[in-house]
Structures are given as structure tokens and as C-alpha cells.
Protein backbone atom coordinates (compact mmCIF):
# COMPACT_ATOMS: atom_id res chain seq x y z
CA MET A 1 22.44 7.04 20.53
CA GLY A 2 24.99 4.69 19.00
CA LEU A 3 26.30 1.35 20.11
CA THR A 4 26.71 2.51 23.71
CA ALA A 5 22.93 2.49 24.09
CA ARG A 6 21.31 -0.26 26.10
CA VAL A 7 17.63 -1.11 26.19
CA LEU A 8 15.62 -2.48 29.08
CA ALA A 9 12.76 -4.37 27.42
CA ILE A 10 9.76 -5.29 29.56
CA ASP A 11 6.81 -7.44 28.53
CA ALA A 12 4.51 -7.56 31.54
CA GLY A 13 1.30 -9.52 31.12
CA ASN A 14 -1.31 -10.52 33.67
CA SER A 15 0.25 -13.93 34.28
CA LYS A 16 4.00 -13.33 33.87
CA THR A 17 6.66 -10.71 33.21
CA ASP A 18 9.67 -11.13 30.93
CA VAL A 19 12.59 -8.70 30.94
CA ALA A 20 15.61 -8.45 28.63
CA ILE A 21 18.65 -6.16 28.65
CA VAL A 22 19.79 -5.56 25.07
CA THR A 23 22.62 -3.54 23.53
CA ALA A 24 22.05 -1.33 20.50
CA ASP A 25 23.75 -3.92 18.30
CA GLY A 26 21.20 -6.56 19.34
CA GLU A 27 23.23 -8.49 21.90
CA VAL A 28 21.20 -9.81 24.83
CA LEU A 29 23.06 -9.19 28.07
CA ALA A 30 20.53 -10.70 30.46
CA THR A 31 16.96 -11.93 30.79
CA ALA A 32 14.65 -12.55 33.73
CA ARG A 33 11.13 -13.81 34.32
CA GLY A 34 8.82 -12.88 37.18
CA ALA A 35 5.22 -12.62 38.31
CA GLY A 36 2.47 -10.93 36.34
CA PHE A 37 1.68 -7.22 36.31
CA ARG A 38 -1.83 -6.65 37.70
CA PRO A 39 -2.35 -3.12 39.06
CA PRO A 40 -6.18 -3.41 39.04
CA ALA A 41 -6.01 -6.50 41.25
CA VAL A 42 -3.20 -5.67 43.68
CA GLY A 43 -2.76 -1.90 43.44
CA LEU A 44 -0.19 0.10 41.50
CA ASP A 45 2.47 0.21 44.24
CA THR A 46 2.43 -3.54 44.78
CA ALA A 47 2.45 -4.20 41.02
CA MET A 48 5.41 -1.86 40.51
CA ASN A 49 7.35 -3.45 43.36
CA THR A 50 6.77 -6.90 41.86
CA LEU A 51 7.94 -5.60 38.49
CA ALA A 52 11.00 -4.07 40.17
CA ASP A 53 12.07 -7.47 41.49
CA THR A 54 12.24 -8.88 37.96
CA VAL A 55 13.95 -5.81 36.49
CA THR A 56 16.54 -5.73 39.29
CA GLN A 57 17.34 -9.37 38.67
CA ALA A 58 18.06 -8.68 34.99
CA LEU A 59 20.07 -5.51 35.65
CA THR A 60 22.15 -7.29 38.28
CA THR A 61 22.89 -10.18 35.93
CA ALA A 62 23.96 -7.68 33.25
CA GLY A 63 26.14 -5.81 35.74
CA LEU A 64 24.16 -2.60 35.30
CA THR A 65 22.10 -0.26 37.44
CA SER A 66 20.43 1.62 34.57
CA VAL A 67 20.17 1.74 30.78
CA THR A 68 19.68 4.28 28.01
CA HIS A 69 16.06 3.50 27.17
CA VAL A 70 13.21 1.58 28.80
CA SER A 71 10.75 -0.03 26.37
CA ALA A 72 7.84 -1.32 28.44
CA CYS A 73 4.84 -3.16 27.04
CA LEU A 74 2.43 -3.53 29.93
CA ALA A 75 -0.91 -5.22 30.51
CA ASN A 76 -3.69 -2.95 31.74
CA ALA A 77 -2.25 0.06 29.90
CA ASP A 78 -5.44 0.44 27.92
CA PHE A 79 -5.67 4.24 27.52
CA PRO A 80 -2.96 6.84 26.79
CA VAL A 81 -3.54 8.36 30.22
CA GLU A 82 -2.69 4.99 31.79
CA GLU A 83 0.45 4.72 29.65
CA ASP A 84 1.47 8.18 30.84
CA GLN A 85 0.85 7.25 34.47
CA LEU A 86 2.89 4.07 34.16
CA ALA A 87 5.68 5.90 32.33
CA THR A 88 5.87 8.34 35.25
CA GLU A 89 6.17 5.42 37.66
CA LEU A 90 8.94 3.85 35.58
CA ARG A 91 10.86 7.12 35.36
CA ALA A 92 10.73 7.38 39.13
CA ARG A 93 12.59 4.07 39.34
CA ALA A 94 15.49 5.61 37.37
CA TRP A 95 16.06 2.49 35.32
CA GLY A 96 16.58 4.44 32.08
CA THR A 97 17.23 7.88 30.70
CA THR A 98 14.12 7.68 28.50
CA VAL A 99 10.95 5.62 28.90
CA THR A 100 8.26 4.50 26.48
CA VAL A 101 5.16 2.62 27.67
CA ARG A 102 2.74 0.78 25.40
CA ASN A 103 -0.02 -1.76 25.84
CA ASP A 104 1.42 -5.29 25.87
CA THR A 105 -0.36 -6.16 22.61
CA PHE A 106 2.14 -3.95 20.78
CA ALA A 107 4.93 -6.34 21.86
CA ILE A 108 3.23 -9.24 20.09
CA LEU A 109 2.77 -7.13 16.96
CA ARG A 110 6.37 -5.91 16.82
CA ALA A 111 7.71 -9.42 17.46
CA GLY A 112 6.07 -10.62 14.28
CA VAL A 113 6.99 -7.89 11.78
CA ALA A 114 10.23 -6.69 10.22
CA GLU A 115 9.28 -3.03 10.67
CA PRO A 116 6.68 -1.20 12.79
CA ARG A 117 3.94 -1.84 10.25
CA GLY A 118 0.99 -4.17 10.63
CA VAL A 119 -1.94 -5.21 12.79
CA ALA A 120 -2.06 -7.74 15.61
CA VAL A 121 -5.13 -9.40 17.10
CA VAL A 122 -4.54 -11.18 20.38
CA CYS A 123 -6.91 -13.71 21.92
CA GLY A 124 -5.77 -14.76 25.35
CA ALA A 125 -8.13 -14.50 28.29
CA GLY A 126 -9.74 -11.62 26.39
CA ILE A 127 -9.38 -10.09 22.95
CA ASN A 128 -7.44 -7.03 21.83
CA CYS A 129 -6.15 -5.49 18.62
CA VAL A 130 -3.51 -2.87 17.81
CA GLY A 131 -1.91 -1.57 14.64
CA MET A 132 1.23 0.39 13.77
CA HIS A 133 2.21 2.47 10.73
CA PRO A 134 5.83 3.40 9.94
CA ASP A 135 4.85 7.09 10.08
CA GLY A 136 4.15 6.70 13.81
CA ARG A 137 0.37 6.36 13.69
CA THR A 138 -1.24 3.64 15.77
CA ALA A 139 -4.69 2.05 15.95
CA ARG A 140 -6.10 0.51 19.08
CA PHE A 141 -9.25 -0.35 21.03
CA PRO A 142 -10.00 0.11 24.75
CA ALA A 143 -10.38 -3.69 25.04
CA LEU A 144 -12.11 -3.65 28.42
CA GLY A 145 -14.60 -6.41 27.67
CA ARG A 146 -18.27 -6.11 26.81
CA VAL A 147 -18.43 -2.53 28.10
CA SER A 148 -16.12 -1.50 25.25
CA GLY A 149 -17.85 -3.66 22.64
CA ASP A 150 -15.55 -6.68 22.85
CA TRP A 151 -16.56 -10.30 22.62
CA GLY A 152 -14.39 -13.39 22.72
CA GLY A 153 -11.05 -14.52 23.96
CA GLY A 154 -10.70 -17.61 26.10
CA TRP A 155 -12.86 -16.33 28.94
CA GLY A 156 -15.66 -15.18 26.65
CA LEU A 157 -15.62 -18.42 24.70
CA SER A 158 -15.92 -20.52 27.85
CA GLU A 159 -18.75 -18.33 29.10
CA GLU A 160 -20.63 -18.63 25.79
CA ALA A 161 -20.11 -22.39 25.74
CA MET A 162 -21.53 -22.69 29.26
CA TRP A 163 -24.52 -20.50 28.33
CA HIS A 164 -25.48 -22.74 25.42
CA ALA A 165 -24.79 -25.95 27.35
CA SER A 166 -26.95 -24.81 30.26
CA ARG A 167 -29.89 -23.88 28.04
CA ALA A 168 -29.60 -27.12 26.08
CA GLU A 169 -29.70 -29.21 29.23
CA ASP A 170 -32.72 -27.50 30.81
CA GLY A 171 -34.69 -27.18 27.56
CA ARG A 172 -34.46 -23.44 26.91
CA GLY A 173 -32.16 -23.87 23.92
CA PRO A 174 -31.25 -26.28 21.13
CA ALA A 175 -29.38 -29.47 21.85
CA THR A 176 -25.59 -29.39 21.83
CA ALA A 177 -22.88 -31.87 22.72
CA LEU A 178 -21.39 -29.13 24.93
CA SER A 179 -23.90 -30.12 27.61
CA ARG A 180 -21.99 -33.40 27.81
CA THR A 181 -18.40 -32.47 27.00
CA LEU A 182 -18.05 -29.47 29.32
CA PRO A 183 -19.01 -31.22 32.58
CA ALA A 184 -17.20 -34.39 31.48
CA HIS A 185 -13.94 -32.42 31.43
CA PHE A 186 -14.22 -32.08 35.21
CA GLY A 187 -15.56 -35.60 35.74
CA LEU A 188 -19.07 -34.33 36.42
CA PRO A 189 -22.33 -35.89 35.14
CA SER A 190 -24.22 -32.78 34.05
CA VAL A 191 -24.07 -29.06 33.36
CA TYR A 192 -26.17 -28.55 36.48
CA ALA A 193 -23.46 -30.29 38.51
CA LEU A 194 -20.80 -28.11 36.90
CA ILE A 195 -22.74 -24.90 37.61
CA LYS A 196 -23.13 -25.97 41.23
CA ALA A 197 -19.44 -26.87 41.54
CA LEU A 198 -18.37 -23.50 40.13
CA HIS A 199 -20.82 -21.61 42.35
CA LEU A 200 -19.74 -23.41 45.54
CA GLY A 201 -16.02 -23.23 44.74
CA GLN A 202 -15.66 -26.98 44.32
CA VAL A 203 -14.22 -26.14 40.90
CA ALA A 204 -12.23 -22.91 40.98
CA GLN A 205 -13.60 -20.15 38.76
CA SER A 206 -10.09 -19.72 37.36
CA ARG A 207 -10.38 -23.19 35.81
CA ARG A 208 -13.12 -22.02 33.47
CA HIS A 209 -10.41 -21.28 30.90
CA GLU A 210 -9.99 -25.05 30.57
CA LEU A 211 -13.35 -25.18 28.84
CA THR A 212 -12.10 -23.31 25.77
CA PRO A 213 -10.10 -26.25 24.35
CA VAL A 214 -13.13 -28.46 25.07
CA LEU A 215 -15.25 -26.08 23.00
CA PHE A 216 -12.86 -26.34 20.05
CA ALA A 217 -12.70 -30.13 20.31
CA THR A 218 -16.50 -30.29 20.35
CA ALA A 219 -16.65 -28.03 17.31
CA ALA A 220 -14.11 -30.21 15.51
CA ASP A 221 -16.39 -33.19 16.11
CA GLY A 222 -19.11 -31.35 14.18
CA ASP A 223 -21.38 -29.96 16.87
CA THR A 224 -23.47 -27.16 15.31
CA ILE A 225 -23.61 -24.87 18.35
CA ALA A 226 -19.91 -25.23 19.11
CA ARG A 227 -19.04 -24.48 15.49
CA MET A 228 -21.29 -21.41 15.58
CA ILE A 229 -19.38 -20.05 18.60
CA VAL A 230 -16.02 -20.62 16.90
CA ASP A 231 -17.24 -18.90 13.73
CA ARG A 232 -18.36 -15.91 15.79
CA GLN A 233 -14.87 -15.67 17.30
CA ALA A 234 -13.41 -15.57 13.79
CA GLU A 235 -15.85 -12.80 12.90
CA GLU A 236 -14.75 -10.75 15.90
CA VAL A 237 -11.05 -11.19 15.08
CA VAL A 238 -11.52 -10.09 11.49
CA SER A 239 -13.78 -7.16 12.40
CA MET A 240 -11.11 -5.73 14.69
CA ALA A 241 -8.32 -6.34 12.18
CA VAL A 242 -10.17 -4.69 9.28
CA VAL A 243 -11.09 -1.63 11.35
CA ALA A 244 -7.45 -1.22 12.43
CA LEU A 245 -6.22 -1.62 8.85
CA THR A 246 -8.73 0.95 7.66
CA ARG A 247 -7.80 3.48 10.34
CA LEU A 248 -4.15 3.23 9.28
CA ASP A 249 -4.91 3.40 5.52
CA LEU A 250 -3.41 -0.07 5.12
CA VAL A 251 -6.45 -2.03 3.99
CA ASP A 252 -5.43 -1.70 0.33
CA GLU A 253 -1.73 -2.43 0.88
CA PRO A 254 0.02 -5.74 1.58
CA THR A 255 0.11 -5.73 5.37
CA PRO A 256 0.83 -8.40 7.99
CA VAL A 257 -2.06 -9.31 10.27
CA LEU A 258 -0.54 -11.11 13.24
CA LEU A 259 -2.60 -13.60 15.24
CA GLY A 260 -1.36 -14.14 18.78
CA GLY A 261 -2.35 -15.25 22.24
CA GLY A 262 -3.24 -18.72 23.47
CA VAL A 263 -6.48 -19.12 21.51
CA LEU A 264 -5.04 -18.12 18.13
CA ALA A 265 -1.55 -19.54 18.62
CA ALA A 266 -3.15 -22.97 19.15
CA GLU A 267 -4.08 -22.84 15.44
CA HIS A 268 -7.46 -24.52 15.70
CA PRO A 269 -8.22 -25.40 12.06
CA GLN A 270 -11.82 -24.14 11.95
CA LEU A 271 -11.00 -20.82 13.61
CA ASN A 272 -7.89 -20.00 11.66
CA THR A 273 -9.32 -21.11 8.32
CA MET A 274 -12.42 -18.97 8.88
CA ILE A 275 -10.22 -15.98 9.77
CA GLN A 276 -8.21 -16.44 6.57
CA ASN A 277 -11.37 -16.71 4.45
CA LEU A 278 -12.98 -13.63 5.99
CA LEU A 279 -9.80 -11.59 5.61
CA ALA A 280 -9.49 -12.69 1.99
CA ASP A 281 -12.97 -11.31 1.38
CA ARG A 282 -12.75 -8.05 3.36
CA ALA A 283 -9.05 -7.17 3.17
CA PRO A 284 -7.58 -9.23 0.32
CA LYS A 285 -4.09 -7.77 0.66
CA ALA A 286 -3.81 -8.62 4.35
CA ILE A 287 -1.23 -11.29 5.10
CA PRO A 288 -2.41 -13.34 8.11
CA GLN A 289 0.17 -15.24 10.10
CA VAL A 290 0.32 -16.76 13.56
CA VAL A 291 3.05 -15.31 15.76
CA THR A 292 4.54 -17.50 18.49
CA ALA A 293 7.69 -15.48 19.19
CA SER A 294 8.24 -14.31 22.76
CA PRO A 295 6.54 -10.91 23.26
CA VAL A 296 9.61 -9.58 25.09
CA LEU A 297 11.33 -9.78 21.70
CA GLY A 298 8.77 -7.28 20.45
CA ALA A 299 9.36 -4.97 23.40
CA ALA A 300 13.11 -5.15 22.72
CA LEU A 301 12.64 -4.45 18.99
CA LEU A 302 10.52 -1.41 19.86
CA GLY A 303 13.35 -0.33 22.11
CA LEU A 304 15.90 -0.71 19.31
CA ASP A 305 13.59 1.37 17.11
CA GLY A 306 13.72 4.02 19.82
CA VAL A 307 17.50 4.19 20.09
CA GLY A 308 18.11 4.14 16.34
CA ALA A 309 19.88 0.78 16.32
CA ARG A 310 22.12 -0.01 13.39
CA GLU A 311 21.28 -2.41 10.60
CA GLY A 312 21.78 -6.00 11.67
CA ALA A 313 20.77 -5.44 15.29
CA GLN A 314 17.25 -6.76 14.73
CA GLY A 315 18.53 -9.93 13.08
CA ARG A 316 20.98 -10.56 15.90
CA LEU A 317 18.24 -10.07 18.48
CA ARG A 318 15.78 -12.30 16.64
CA ALA A 319 18.42 -15.02 16.35
CA HIS A 320 18.88 -14.96 20.12
CA PHE A 321 15.16 -15.66 20.57
CA GLY A 322 15.21 -18.36 17.90
CA VAL A 323 13.22 -16.45 15.30
């Protein structure tokens, strides 16, 4: 497609959307940030209209009405049929001649590797894992929560911490400092008081994610139950990574394993050390590394892959994003 090609890169997560307009030589013409992309919560039409506001802002800043290729990495695109549906919606907007839609986890993976080769495990509110092979093969999981076999992420960790704290306080389970540290975070005297506050809306359910850092701090102070929960999260991360590596025939080759999302990017020593140790045992050639680069960089790099960008374009694009 040559240097006349332009890419519209979209990284649309549940909480925010980032957009970049990039030329085939890696120059960033414009960026924009907008609200999250949540079709299950607000409906597809409303979600697409919200996305359109952010895209239009970037196109207007770049002085364009359309581009050559749209590379969209979208939350809630968990099955190929959903990717196809969303691609149809994007084509209808006429933002690009060609459109590729992927789950947003692929953006984090591509942001952290020099070529489309590797595995990424993301722990944000939930947990997800994807892998890419240079021959075009991918590995992925439905990542819909417990119904699809998942455990962990920030929401799951906070829920597990509350479960143990509740049982410790009322005598059904072993003692844990979580029964003190979790309610103390909200200035409450007991787990019972915290349960009541959450149930009655005195503490918003959305604030439960604040308990995850409390869990890690409690684990760092040596609490046995808290440490057990953190170790289980490490086990889940490594299980997903090893399965993805195996599916792509990469388990016996030096391969990056990217760790992203708020839980893993925080680099809690116990969690990340346990992940490294488990990977060293089960996939010794895996190369774990935390990725903190903006996911929209990954969406843009996938777009450059799609337009056959020339050598040097990736480096120029990464430099723009400070990587």
C-alpha cells in the first residue's frame, strides 16, 4: 500500500478509548481519547456512537475524513463472530477502505513485541490471554469469567479476599489480617460493616476494585491467606500463558510472555516473582516481561503490519509513544 497508506488505530477498553492516526512511515498525525467501549452495558448503537465521537475528533485533527486501514482492538470482542459483527459496524462508518477487528488484549501483546510473535496475559478487572505466531496463527480464550473457566483479575481478587475475610470474622474460616485491613480501607470497624455498606450502597460496588491493592499489601506483610490468594493468581497467569504457548508450538522456543493490565503492571513482588518461577519451571524458554506501553501503540503496530509498512516505521512509531 506504500507510504500513502494511513492507519486509524483504535484501542477501546471498558474504561477509555484511545485513537491514533498514523502514516505508513510511522508518523503520528493525530491522537484522541474518549469514553470506554461497552456494548453489553449500553447497547451496540450507543457504544458505536460514543466511539465515533473519539474517531471523528482524531480524523478532524489530522485533516482527514477516512484512511486506508482501520486497526481496531476492542473490548468485548471475545469470539470471532463478535469481531465480525463489530467489523461490519466499522465498515458501515466508512472510516477506512479495509477493517480488522481484534480483542483489545492483542493491542497489549503487539505493543510489547518487535514482531507479531508472543503471548500476553492481561489482569485488569478480569483476566485474559492471547498469543500470536508470525505465520498468522493466534491463541485465545473466551475470557468471560467463571463460566469460561477464568479466575482472577482485580475483581476476582477482591471477591476472594472478601470471602476469606468474611469467613475469618464469623468463625467459618481461618484467621486472616484481611478481616481487619479490608474494612479499614474504607474507615469501617469490621467486615460485617463493610458487607452491609456494600449491600446498602453506602460504599459503591464499583469501589471493590480498591481492595485489590489492600490484598497485596496484606500479603506483603506476611499474612498466610493473602499470600495464598496471590500465589493462586500467579498460577492462573502461568496456566493461561503455557497453554497459549503450547497451542502455538512456541513452548520450546524463546518467546516473549507479556504481562499487562493494572494488576500485573503494578509489579507486586510476590506475584511477579512467583510468575517468573513457575514459567521457568513449565516453559523455561519463555521470556516474561511487564509491558506498560500504551495499548493504542499495539493497535497501530498491527495496522502497520496490515499495510506492509516499510522498515523503520515501527521504530518511528514507538519513539512517538516513548518506547
